[in-house]
Amino acid sequence: MAASPSHLRSLYRSLLRELPRRPLSTPSPIQQRIRNTISSSSAPMQIEEAEQYVQYAKAQRMYATLLERYNPGMSMDEEENVRLTARRVGMDLPEEWRADKKD
């Protein structure tokens, strides 16, 4: 059973949404490959694989979003992490002494 053209178009757009943004005037090789594959054959197995890929890409995007939200210290350097941890328990770290600083 062949998929309807509207379903294929929807699948194609879903795949493009998960890829990094790029102007339509200069599509990337992967965008061209997806377009050629979807337009040339509508084998049920390939359509199912494409749908699974869309679900996987959405899940990965959501995972990255949740990881950033619930682990905000992941992208911080160690010094900033220590300062914020001290602030969390009600302490402020003293300013570091610098030899070039004159009072």
PDB file of N, CA and C in Angstrom:
ATOM      1  N   MET A   1       0.828  -1.173   0.000  1.00  0.00           N
ATOM      2  CA  MET A   1       0.000   0.000   0.000  1.00  0.00           C
ATOM      3  C   MET A   1       0.879   1.245   0.000  1.00  0.00           C
ATOM      4  N   ALA A   2       0.700   2.106  -0.953  1.00  0.00           N
ATOM      5  CA  ALA A   2       1.498   3.320  -1.065  1.00  0.00           C
ATOM      6  C   ALA A   2       0.936   4.393  -0.137  1.00  0.00           C
ATOM      7  N   ALA A   3       1.836   5.196   0.377  1.00  0.00           N
ATOM      8  CA  ALA A   3       1.419   6.278   1.262  1.00  0.00           C
ATOM      9  C   ALA A   3       0.850   7.426   0.440  1.00  0.00           C
ATOM     10  N   SER A   4      -0.048   8.158   1.042  1.00  0.00           N
ATOM     11  CA  SER A   4      -0.653   9.281   0.337  1.00  0.00           C
ATOM     12  C   SER A   4       0.371  10.404   0.173  1.00  0.00           C
ATOM     13  N   PRO A   5       0.208  11.206  -0.853  1.00  0.00           N
ATOM     14  CA  PRO A   5       1.146  12.324  -1.059  1.00  0.00           C
ATOM     15  C   PRO A   5       1.164  13.302   0.112  1.00  0.00           C
ATOM     16  N   SER A   6       0.015  13.524   0.737  1.00  0.00           N
ATOM     17  CA  SER A   6      -0.007  14.448   1.884  1.00  0.00           C
ATOM     18  C   SER A   6       0.782  13.876   3.061  1.00  0.00           C
ATOM     19  N   HIS A   7       0.718  12.550   3.247  1.00  0.00           N
ATOM     20  CA  HIS A   7       1.493  11.913   4.323  1.00  0.00           C
ATOM     21  C   HIS A   7       2.989  12.012   4.036  1.00  0.00           C
ATOM     22  N   LEU A   8       3.378  11.781   2.785  1.00  0.00           N
ATOM     23  CA  LEU A   8       4.792  11.895   2.416  1.00  0.00           C
ATOM     24  C   LEU A   8       5.293  13.326   2.595  1.00  0.00           C
ATOM     25  N   ARG A   9       4.466  14.294   2.218  1.00  0.00           N
ATOM     26  CA  ARG A   9       4.841  15.701   2.369  1.00  0.00           C
ATOM     27  C   ARG A   9       5.004  16.036   3.854  1.00  0.00           C
ATOM     28  N   SER A  10       4.100  15.550   4.669  1.00  0.00           N
ATOM     29  CA  SER A  10       4.178  15.780   6.109  1.00  0.00           C
ATOM     30  C   SER A  10       5.444  15.153   6.698  1.00  0.00           C
ATOM     31  N   LEU A  11       5.750  13.948   6.261  1.00  0.00           N
ATOM     32  CA  LEU A  11       6.958  13.262   6.722  1.00  0.00           C
ATOM     33  C   LEU A  11       8.208  14.016   6.298  1.00  0.00           C
ATOM     34  N   TYR A  12       8.215  14.493   5.063  1.00  0.00           N
ATOM     35  CA  TYR A  12       9.352  15.263   4.545  1.00  0.00           C
ATOM     36  C   TYR A  12       9.559  16.537   5.365  1.00  0.00           C
ATOM     37  N   ARG A  13       8.476  17.238   5.655  1.00  0.00           N
ATOM     38  CA  ARG A  13       8.583  18.466   6.443  1.00  0.00           C
ATOM     39  C   ARG A  13       9.043  18.168   7.872  1.00  0.00           C
ATOM     40  N   SER A  14       8.580  17.082   8.433  1.00  0.00           N
ATOM     41  CA  SER A  14       9.015  16.698   9.782  1.00  0.00           C
ATOM     42  C   SER A  14      10.515  16.416   9.816  1.00  0.00           C
ATOM     43  N   LEU A  15      10.990  15.743   8.779  1.00  0.00           N
ATOM     44  CA  LEU A  15      12.428  15.463   8.701  1.00  0.00           C
ATOM     45  C   LEU A  15      13.223  16.757   8.574  1.00  0.00           C
ATOM     46  N   LEU A  16      12.754  17.674   7.752  1.00  0.00           N
ATOM     47  CA  LEU A  16      13.470  18.939   7.574  1.00  0.00           C
ATOM     48  C   LEU A  16      13.472  19.774   8.851  1.00  0.00           C
ATOM     49  N   ARG A  17      12.400  19.699   9.637  1.00  0.00           N
ATOM     50  CA  ARG A  17      12.341  20.450  10.895  1.00  0.00           C
ATOM     51  C   ARG A  17      13.412  19.992  11.875  1.00  0.00           C
ATOM     52  N   GLU A  18      13.768  18.732  11.821  1.00  0.00           N
ATOM     53  CA  GLU A  18      14.755  18.201  12.767  1.00  0.00           C
ATOM     54  C   GLU A  18      16.193  18.480  12.334  1.00  0.00           C
ATOM     55  N   LEU A  19      16.385  18.868  11.084  1.00  0.00           N
ATOM     56  CA  LEU A  19      17.725  19.198  10.612  1.00  0.00           C
ATOM     57  C   LEU A  19      18.054  20.641  10.961  1.00  0.00           C
ATOM     58  N   PRO A  20      19.348  20.982  11.010  1.00  0.00           N
ATOM     59  CA  PRO A  20      19.707  22.385  11.267  1.00  0.00           C
ATOM     60  C   PRO A  20      19.140  23.291  10.171  1.00  0.00           C
ATOM     61  N   ARG A  21      18.768  24.502  10.569  1.00  0.00           N
ATOM     62  CA  ARG A  21      18.183  25.461   9.627  1.00  0.00           C
ATOM     63  C   ARG A  21      19.176  25.817   8.525  1.00  0.00           C
ATOM     64  N   ARG A  22      18.629  25.938   7.327  1.00  0.00           N
ATOM     65  CA  ARG A  22      19.431  26.314   6.167  1.00  0.00           C
ATOM     66  C   ARG A  22      18.497  26.930   5.143  1.00  0.00           C
ATOM     67  N   PRO A  23      18.961  27.926   4.393  1.00  0.00           N
ATOM     68  CA  PRO A  23      18.077  28.538   3.393  1.00  0.00           C
ATOM     69  C   PRO A  23      17.627  27.524   2.347  1.00  0.00           C
ATOM     70  N   LEU A  24      16.405  27.675   1.895  1.00  0.00           N
ATOM     71  CA  LEU A  24      15.878  26.750   0.895  1.00  0.00           C
ATOM     72  C   LEU A  24      16.577  26.900  -0.447  1.00  0.00           C
ATOM     73  N   SER A  25      17.181  28.060  -0.679  1.00  0.00           N
ATOM     74  CA  SER A  25      17.860  28.277  -1.962  1.00  0.00           C
ATOM     75  C   SER A  25      19.112  27.418  -2.091  1.00  0.00           C
ATOM     76  N   THR A  26      19.738  27.049  -0.957  1.00  0.00           N
ATOM     77  CA  THR A  26      20.930  26.194  -0.984  1.00  0.00           C
ATOM     78  C   THR A  26      20.736  25.007  -0.053  1.00  0.00           C
ATOM     79  N   PRO A  27      19.985  24.004  -0.483  1.00  0.00           N
ATOM     80  CA  PRO A  27      19.763  22.843   0.397  1.00  0.00           C
ATOM     81  C   PRO A  27      21.048  22.037   0.593  1.00  0.00           C
ATOM     82  N   SER A  28      21.168  21.461   1.764  1.00  0.00           N
ATOM     83  CA  SER A  28      22.341  20.643   2.064  1.00  0.00           C
ATOM     84  C   SER A  28      22.224  19.308   1.327  1.00  0.00           C
ATOM     85  N   PRO A  29      23.328  18.584   1.213  1.00  0.00           N
ATOM     86  CA  PRO A  29      23.269  17.275   0.552  1.00  0.00           C
ATOM     87  C   PRO A  29      22.287  16.315   1.221  1.00  0.00           C
ATOM     88  N   ILE A  30      22.185  16.369   2.534  1.00  0.00           N
ATOM     89  CA  ILE A  30      21.251  15.453   3.204  1.00  0.00           C
ATOM     90  C   ILE A  30      19.802  15.834   2.902  1.00  0.00           C
ATOM     91  N   GLN A  31      19.520  17.135   2.792  1.00  0.00           N
ATOM     92  CA  GLN A  31      18.167  17.555   2.423  1.00  0.00           C
ATOM     93  C   GLN A  31      17.824  17.087   1.014  1.00  0.00           C
ATOM     94  N   GLN A  32      18.793  17.192   0.114  1.00  0.00           N
ATOM     95  CA  GLN A  32      18.564  16.728  -1.256  1.00  0.00           C
ATOM     96  C   GLN A  32      18.342  15.225  -1.287  1.00  0.00           C
ATOM     97  N   ARG A  33      19.118  14.497  -0.496  1.00  0.00           N
ATOM     98  CA  ARG A  33      18.996  13.044  -0.447  1.00  0.00           C
ATOM     99  C   ARG A  33      17.625  12.622   0.096  1.00  0.00           C
ATOM    100  N   ILE A  34      17.186  13.285   1.155  1.00  0.00           N
ATOM    101  CA  ILE A  34      15.872  12.973   1.731  1.00  0.00           C
ATOM    102  C   ILE A  34      14.775  13.245   0.713  1.00  0.00           C
ATOM    103  N   ARG A  35      14.882  14.374   0.037  1.00  0.00           N
ATOM    104  CA  ARG A  35      13.863  14.730  -0.959  1.00  0.00           C
ATOM    105  C   ARG A  35      13.823  13.715  -2.093  1.00  0.00           C
ATOM    106  N   ASN A  36      14.992  13.335  -2.588  1.00  0.00           N
ATOM    107  CA  ASN A  36      15.038  12.358  -3.677  1.00  0.00           C
ATOM    108  C   ASN A  36      14.500  10.997  -3.239  1.00  0.00           C
ATOM    109  N   THR A  37      14.846  10.584  -2.042  1.00  0.00           N
ATOM    110  CA  THR A  37      14.400   9.284  -1.539  1.00  0.00           C
ATOM    111  C   THR A  37      12.884   9.257  -1.354  1.00  0.00           C
ATOM    112  N   ILE A  38      12.343  10.307  -0.766  1.00  0.00           N
ATOM    113  CA  ILE A  38      10.899  10.336  -0.522  1.00  0.00           C
ATOM    114  C   ILE A  38      10.129  10.474  -1.831  1.00  0.00           C
ATOM    115  N   SER A  39      10.641  11.272  -2.762  1.00  0.00           N
ATOM    116  CA  SER A  39       9.900  11.469  -4.012  1.00  0.00           C
ATOM    117  C   SER A  39      10.010  10.275  -4.959  1.00  0.00           C
ATOM    118  N   SER A  40      11.129   9.554  -4.910  1.00  0.00           N
ATOM    119  CA  SER A  40      11.329   8.458  -5.866  1.00  0.00           C
ATOM    120  C   SER A  40      10.609   7.174  -5.464  1.00  0.00           C
ATOM    121  N   SER A  41      10.702   6.801  -4.210  1.00  0.00           N
ATOM    122  CA  SER A  41      10.082   5.538  -3.814  1.00  0.00           C
ATOM    123  C   SER A  41       9.220   5.747  -2.594  1.00  0.00           C
ATOM    124  N   SER A  42       8.143   5.026  -2.568  1.00  0.00           N
ATOM    125  CA  SER A  42       7.262   5.103  -1.401  1.00  0.00           C
ATOM    126  C   SER A  42       7.100   3.714  -0.799  1.00  0.00           C
ATOM    127  N   ALA A  43       8.222   3.002  -0.685  1.00  0.00           N
ATOM    128  CA  ALA A  43       8.198   1.672  -0.084  1.00  0.00           C
ATOM    129  C   ALA A  43       7.799   1.798   1.387  1.00  0.00           C
ATOM    130  N   PRO A  44       6.884   0.981   1.844  1.00  0.00           N
ATOM    131  CA  PRO A  44       6.413   1.093   3.231  1.00  0.00           C
ATOM    132  C   PRO A  44       7.535   0.985   4.261  1.00  0.00           C
ATOM    133  N   MET A  45       8.530   0.168   3.980  1.00  0.00           N
ATOM    134  CA  MET A  45       9.619   0.005   4.940  1.00  0.00           C
ATOM    135  C   MET A  45      10.422   1.292   5.081  1.00  0.00           C
ATOM    136  N   GLN A  46      10.704   1.971   3.971  1.00  0.00           N
ATOM    137  CA  GLN A  46      11.452   3.223   4.037  1.00  0.00           C
ATOM    138  C   GLN A  46      10.645   4.308   4.744  1.00  0.00           C
ATOM    139  N   ILE A  47       9.350   4.324   4.526  1.00  0.00           N
ATOM    140  CA  ILE A  47       8.500   5.314   5.182  1.00  0.00           C
ATOM    141  C   ILE A  47       8.485   5.079   6.686  1.00  0.00           C
ATOM    142  N   GLU A  48       8.387   3.806   7.093  1.00  0.00           N
ATOM    143  CA  GLU A  48       8.407   3.488   8.520  1.00  0.00           C
ATOM    144  C   GLU A  48       9.736   3.880   9.153  1.00  0.00           C
ATOM    145  N   GLU A  49      10.833   3.628   8.450  1.00  0.00           N
ATOM    146  CA  GLU A  49      12.146   4.008   8.969  1.00  0.00           C
ATOM    147  C   GLU A  49      12.262   5.519   9.103  1.00  0.00           C
ATOM    148  N   ALA A  50      11.734   6.254   8.142  1.00  0.00           N
ATOM    149  CA  ALA A  50      11.773   7.709   8.206  1.00  0.00           C
ATOM    150  C   ALA A  50      10.946   8.217   9.387  1.00  0.00           C
ATOM    151  N   GLU A  51       9.787   7.615   9.620  1.00  0.00           N
ATOM    152  CA  GLU A  51       8.959   8.005  10.762  1.00  0.00           C
ATOM    153  C   GLU A  51       9.676   7.718  12.078  1.00  0.00           C
ATOM    154  N   GLN A  52      10.366   6.576  12.153  1.00  0.00           N
ATOM    155  CA  GLN A  52      11.128   6.246  13.354  1.00  0.00           C
ATOM    156  C   GLN A  52      12.271   7.237  13.559  1.00  0.00           C
ATOM    157  N   TYR A  53      12.899   7.645  12.466  1.00  0.00           N
ATOM    158  CA  TYR A  53      13.978   8.621  12.572  1.00  0.00           C
ATOM    159  C   TYR A  53      13.443   9.955  13.097  1.00  0.00           C
ATOM    160  N   VAL A  54      12.278  10.369  12.626  1.00  0.00           N
ATOM    161  CA  VAL A  54      11.689  11.625  13.100  1.00  0.00           C
ATOM    162  C   VAL A  54      11.426  11.531  14.599  1.00  0.00           C
ATOM    163  N   GLN A  55      10.862  10.422  15.048  1.00  0.00           N
ATOM    164  CA  GLN A  55      10.595  10.248  16.477  1.00  0.00           C
ATOM    165  C   GLN A  55      11.893  10.249  17.285  1.00  0.00           C
ATOM    166  N   TYR A  56      12.928   9.604  16.761  1.00  0.00           N
ATOM    167  CA  TYR A  56      14.226   9.566  17.440  1.00  0.00           C
ATOM    168  C   TYR A  56      14.831  10.964  17.535  1.00  0.00           C
ATOM    169  N   ALA A  57      14.781  11.722  16.446  1.00  0.00           N
ATOM    170  CA  ALA A  57      15.354  13.070  16.439  1.00  0.00           C
ATOM    171  C   ALA A  57      14.607  13.985  17.407  1.00  0.00           C
ATOM    172  N   LYS A  58      13.288  13.866  17.463  1.00  0.00           N
ATOM    173  CA  LYS A  58      12.498  14.659  18.413  1.00  0.00           C
ATOM    174  C   LYS A  58      12.873  14.299  19.854  1.00  0.00           C
ATOM    175  N   ALA A  59      13.021  13.012  20.112  1.00  0.00           N
ATOM    176  CA  ALA A  59      13.388  12.561  21.457  1.00  0.00           C
ATOM    177  C   ALA A  59      14.771  13.068  21.850  1.00  0.00           C
ATOM    178  N   GLN A  60      15.711  13.057  20.919  1.00  0.00           N
ATOM    179  CA  GLN A  60      17.057  13.557  21.205  1.00  0.00           C
ATOM    180  C   GLN A  60      17.045  15.050  21.494  1.00  0.00           C
ATOM    181  N   ARG A  61      16.247  15.795  20.742  1.00  0.00           N
ATOM    182  CA  ARG A  61      16.137  17.235  20.964  1.00  0.00           C
ATOM    183  C   ARG A  61      15.540  17.506  22.336  1.00  0.00           C
ATOM    184  N   MET A  62      14.508  16.759  22.700  1.00  0.00           N
ATOM    185  CA  MET A  62      13.878  16.923  24.012  1.00  0.00           C
ATOM    186  C   MET A  62      14.852  16.537  25.125  1.00  0.00           C
ATOM    187  N   TYR A  63      15.620  15.485  24.917  1.00  0.00           N
ATOM    188  CA  TYR A  63      16.611  15.049  25.903  1.00  0.00           C
ATOM    189  C   TYR A  63      17.638  16.148  26.141  1.00  0.00           C
ATOM    190  N   ALA A  64      18.137  16.762  25.074  1.00  0.00           N
ATOM    191  CA  ALA A  64      19.120  17.836  25.219  1.00  0.00           C
ATOM    192  C   ALA A  64      18.522  19.030  25.957  1.00  0.00           C
ATOM    193  N   THR A  65      17.262  19.350  25.662  1.00  0.00           N
ATOM    194  CA  THR A  65      16.586  20.458  26.339  1.00  0.00           C
ATOM    195  C   THR A  65      16.447  20.177  27.824  1.00  0.00           C
ATOM    196  N   LEU A  66      16.013  18.973  28.170  1.00  0.00           N
ATOM    197  CA  LEU A  66      15.842  18.616  29.584  1.00  0.00           C
ATOM    198  C   LEU A  66      17.175  18.556  30.311  1.00  0.00           C
ATOM    199  N   LEU A  67      18.204  18.070  29.634  1.00  0.00           N
ATOM    200  CA  LEU A  67      19.529  18.006  30.236  1.00  0.00           C
ATOM    201  C   LEU A  67      20.039  19.403  30.569  1.00  0.00           C
ATOM    202  N   GLU A  68      19.847  20.349  29.671  1.00  0.00           N
ATOM    203  CA  GLU A  68      20.248  21.731  29.940  1.00  0.00           C
ATOM    204  C   GLU A  68      19.434  22.330  31.080  1.00  0.00           C
ATOM    205  N   ARG A  69      18.137  22.044  31.101  1.00  0.00           N
ATOM    206  CA  ARG A  69      17.265  22.637  32.113  1.00  0.00           C
ATOM    207  C   ARG A  69      17.580  22.129  33.509  1.00  0.00           C
ATOM    208  N   TYR A  70      17.783  20.822  33.660  1.00  0.00           N
ATOM    209  CA  TYR A  70      17.947  20.249  34.986  1.00  0.00           C
ATOM    210  C   TYR A  70      19.394  20.077  35.426  1.00  0.00           C
ATOM    211  N   ASN A  71      20.341  20.346  34.562  1.00  0.00           N
ATOM    212  CA  ASN A  71      21.765  20.305  34.911  1.00  0.00           C
ATOM    213  C   ASN A  71      22.435  21.579  34.415  1.00  0.00           C
ATOM    214  N   PRO A  72      22.086  22.713  35.002  1.00  0.00           N
ATOM    215  CA  PRO A  72      22.612  23.969  34.479  1.00  0.00           C
ATOM    216  C   PRO A  72      24.121  24.112  34.668  1.00  0.00           C
ATOM    217  N   GLY A  73      24.716  23.375  35.585  1.00  0.00           N
ATOM    218  CA  GLY A  73      26.140  23.491  35.838  1.00  0.00           C
ATOM    219  C   GLY A  73      27.017  22.739  34.862  1.00  0.00           C
ATOM    220  N   MET A  74      26.399  22.002  33.941  1.00  0.00           N
ATOM    221  CA  MET A  74      27.202  21.207  33.003  1.00  0.00           C
ATOM    222  C   MET A  74      28.105  22.062  32.131  1.00  0.00           C
ATOM    223  N   SER A  75      27.605  23.195  31.703  1.00  0.00           N
ATOM    224  CA  SER A  75      28.371  24.009  30.774  1.00  0.00           C
ATOM    225  C   SER A  75      29.228  25.055  31.483  1.00  0.00           C
ATOM    226  N   MET A  76      29.189  25.099  32.820  1.00  0.00           N
ATOM    227  CA  MET A  76      29.976  26.082  33.572  1.00  0.00           C
ATOM    228  C   MET A  76      31.382  25.566  33.833  1.00  0.00           C
ATOM    229  N   ASP A  77      32.309  26.510  33.961  1.00  0.00           N
ATOM    230  CA  ASP A  77      33.644  26.105  34.367  1.00  0.00           C
ATOM    231  C   ASP A  77      33.640  25.845  35.876  1.00  0.00           C
ATOM    232  N   GLU A  78      34.688  25.252  36.382  1.00  0.00           N
ATOM    233  CA  GLU A  78      34.726  24.827  37.778  1.00  0.00           C
ATOM    234  C   GLU A  78      34.643  26.003  38.740  1.00  0.00           C
ATOM    235  N   GLU A  79      35.297  27.099  38.408  1.00  0.00           N
ATOM    236  CA  GLU A  79      35.308  28.274  39.281  1.00  0.00           C
ATOM    237  C   GLU A  79      33.898  28.856  39.449  1.00  0.00           C
ATOM    238  N   GLU A  80      33.176  28.966  38.343  1.00  0.00           N
ATOM    239  CA  GLU A  80      31.810  29.489  38.398  1.00  0.00           C
ATOM    240  C   GLU A  80      30.901  28.534  39.167  1.00  0.00           C
ATOM    241  N   ASN A  81      31.098  27.248  39.001  1.00  0.00           N
ATOM    242  CA  ASN A  81      30.297  26.247  39.703  1.00  0.00           C
ATOM    243  C   ASN A  81      30.508  26.337  41.216  1.00  0.00           C
ATOM    244  N   VAL A  82      31.756  26.524  41.638  1.00  0.00           N
ATOM    245  CA  VAL A  82      32.055  26.649  43.071  1.00  0.00           C
ATOM    246  C   VAL A  82      31.422  27.919  43.625  1.00  0.00           C
ATOM    247  N   ARG A  83      31.504  29.021  42.890  1.00  0.00           N
ATOM    248  CA  ARG A  83      30.931  30.288  43.347  1.00  0.00           C
ATOM    249  C   ARG A  83      29.411  30.166  43.518  1.00  0.00           C
ATOM    250  N   LEU A  84      28.752  29.557  42.537  1.00  0.00           N
ATOM    251  CA  LEU A  84      27.294  29.418  42.625  1.00  0.00           C
ATOM    252  C   LEU A  84      26.870  28.430  43.714  1.00  0.00           C
ATOM    253  N   THR A  85      27.670  27.402  43.944  1.00  0.00           N
ATOM    254  CA  THR A  85      27.370  26.457  45.022  1.00  0.00           C
ATOM    255  C   THR A  85      27.482  27.149  46.373  1.00  0.00           C
ATOM    256  N   ALA A  86      28.496  27.979  46.535  1.00  0.00           N
ATOM    257  CA  ALA A  86      28.650  28.731  47.783  1.00  0.00           C
ATOM    258  C   ALA A  86      27.472  29.682  47.977  1.00  0.00           C
ATOM    259  N   ARG A  87      27.036  30.332  46.937  1.00  0.00           N
ATOM    260  CA  ARG A  87      25.880  31.244  47.027  1.00  0.00           C
ATOM    261  C   ARG A  87      24.612  30.483  47.395  1.00  0.00           C
ATOM    262  N   ARG A  88      24.503  29.254  46.915  1.00  0.00           N
ATOM    263  CA  ARG A  88      23.308  28.456  47.188  1.00  0.00           C
ATOM    264  C   ARG A  88      23.155  28.179  48.682  1.00  0.00           C
ATOM    265  N   VAL A  89      24.281  28.022  49.395  1.00  0.00           N
ATOM    266  CA  VAL A  89      24.207  27.734  50.834  1.00  0.00           C
ATOM    267  C   VAL A  89      24.367  29.001  51.669  1.00  0.00           C
ATOM    268  N   GLY A  90      24.341  30.165  51.025  1.00  0.00           N
ATOM    269  CA  GLY A  90      24.336  31.422  51.756  1.00  0.00           C
ATOM    270  C   GLY A  90      25.685  32.039  52.011  1.00  0.00           C
ATOM    271  N   MET A  91      26.697  31.632  51.299  1.00  0.00           N
ATOM    272  CA  MET A  91      28.031  32.205  51.484  1.00  0.00           C
ATOM    273  C   MET A  91      28.469  32.909  50.210  1.00  0.00           C
ATOM    274  N   ASP A  92      29.282  33.930  50.387  1.00  0.00           N
ATOM    275  CA  ASP A  92      29.912  34.586  49.254  1.00  0.00           C
ATOM    276  C   ASP A  92      31.401  34.294  49.332  1.00  0.00           C
ATOM    277  N   LEU A  93      31.992  33.930  48.224  1.00  0.00           N
ATOM    278  CA  LEU A  93      33.430  33.686  48.210  1.00  0.00           C
ATOM    279  C   LEU A  93      34.166  35.017  48.289  1.00  0.00           C
ATOM    280  N   PRO A  94      35.296  35.034  48.991  1.00  0.00           N
ATOM    281  CA  PRO A  94      36.063  36.279  49.049  1.00  0.00           C
ATOM    282  C   PRO A  94      36.678  36.590  47.685  1.00  0.00           C
ATOM    283  N   GLU A  95      36.935  37.876  47.458  1.00  0.00           N
ATOM    284  CA  GLU A  95      37.583  38.251  46.207  1.00  0.00           C
ATOM    285  C   GLU A  95      39.022  37.769  46.239  1.00  0.00           C
ATOM    286  N   GLU A  96      39.498  37.326  45.115  1.00  0.00           N
ATOM    287  CA  GLU A  96      40.879  36.852  45.039  1.00  0.00           C
ATOM    288  C   GLU A  96      41.823  38.039  44.985  1.00  0.00           C
ATOM    289  N   TRP A  97      42.946  37.895  45.679  1.00  0.00           N
ATOM    290  CA  TRP A  97      43.949  38.946  45.688  1.00  0.00           C
ATOM    291  C   TRP A  97      44.756  38.852  44.405  1.00  0.00           C
ATOM    292  N   ARG A  98      44.991  40.013  43.833  1.00  0.00           N
ATOM    293  CA  ARG A  98      45.805  40.065  42.599  1.00  0.00           C
ATOM    294  C   ARG A  98      46.960  41.029  42.845  1.00  0.00           C
ATOM    295  N   ALA A  99      48.135  40.643  42.392  1.00  0.00           N
ATOM    296  CA  ALA A  99      49.325  41.458  42.615  1.00  0.00           C
ATOM    297  C   ALA A  99      49.256  42.780  41.831  1.00  0.00           C
ATOM    298  N   ASP A 100      48.624  42.783  40.679  1.00  0.00           N
ATOM    299  CA  ASP A 100      48.569  43.988  39.856  1.00  0.00           C
ATOM    300  C   ASP A 100      47.483  44.967  40.310  1.00  0.00           C
ATOM    301  N   LYS A 101      46.677  44.577  41.264  1.00  0.00           N
ATOM    302  CA  LYS A 101      45.584  45.423  41.748  1.00  0.00           C
ATOM    303  C   LYS A 101      46.092  46.324  42.867  1.00  0.00           C
ATOM    304  N   LYS A 102      45.914  47.648  42.732  1.00  0.00           N
ATOM    305  CA  LYS A 102      46.371  48.600  43.758  1.00  0.00           C
ATOM    306  C   LYS A 102      45.163  49.214  44.440  1.00  0.00           C
ATOM    307  N   ASP A 103      45.228  49.307  45.774  1.00  0.00           N
ATOM    308  CA  ASP A 103      44.131  49.912  46.536  1.00  0.00           C
ATOM    309  C   ASP A 103      44.474  51.307  46.931  1.00  0.00           C
TER     310      ASP A 103
END
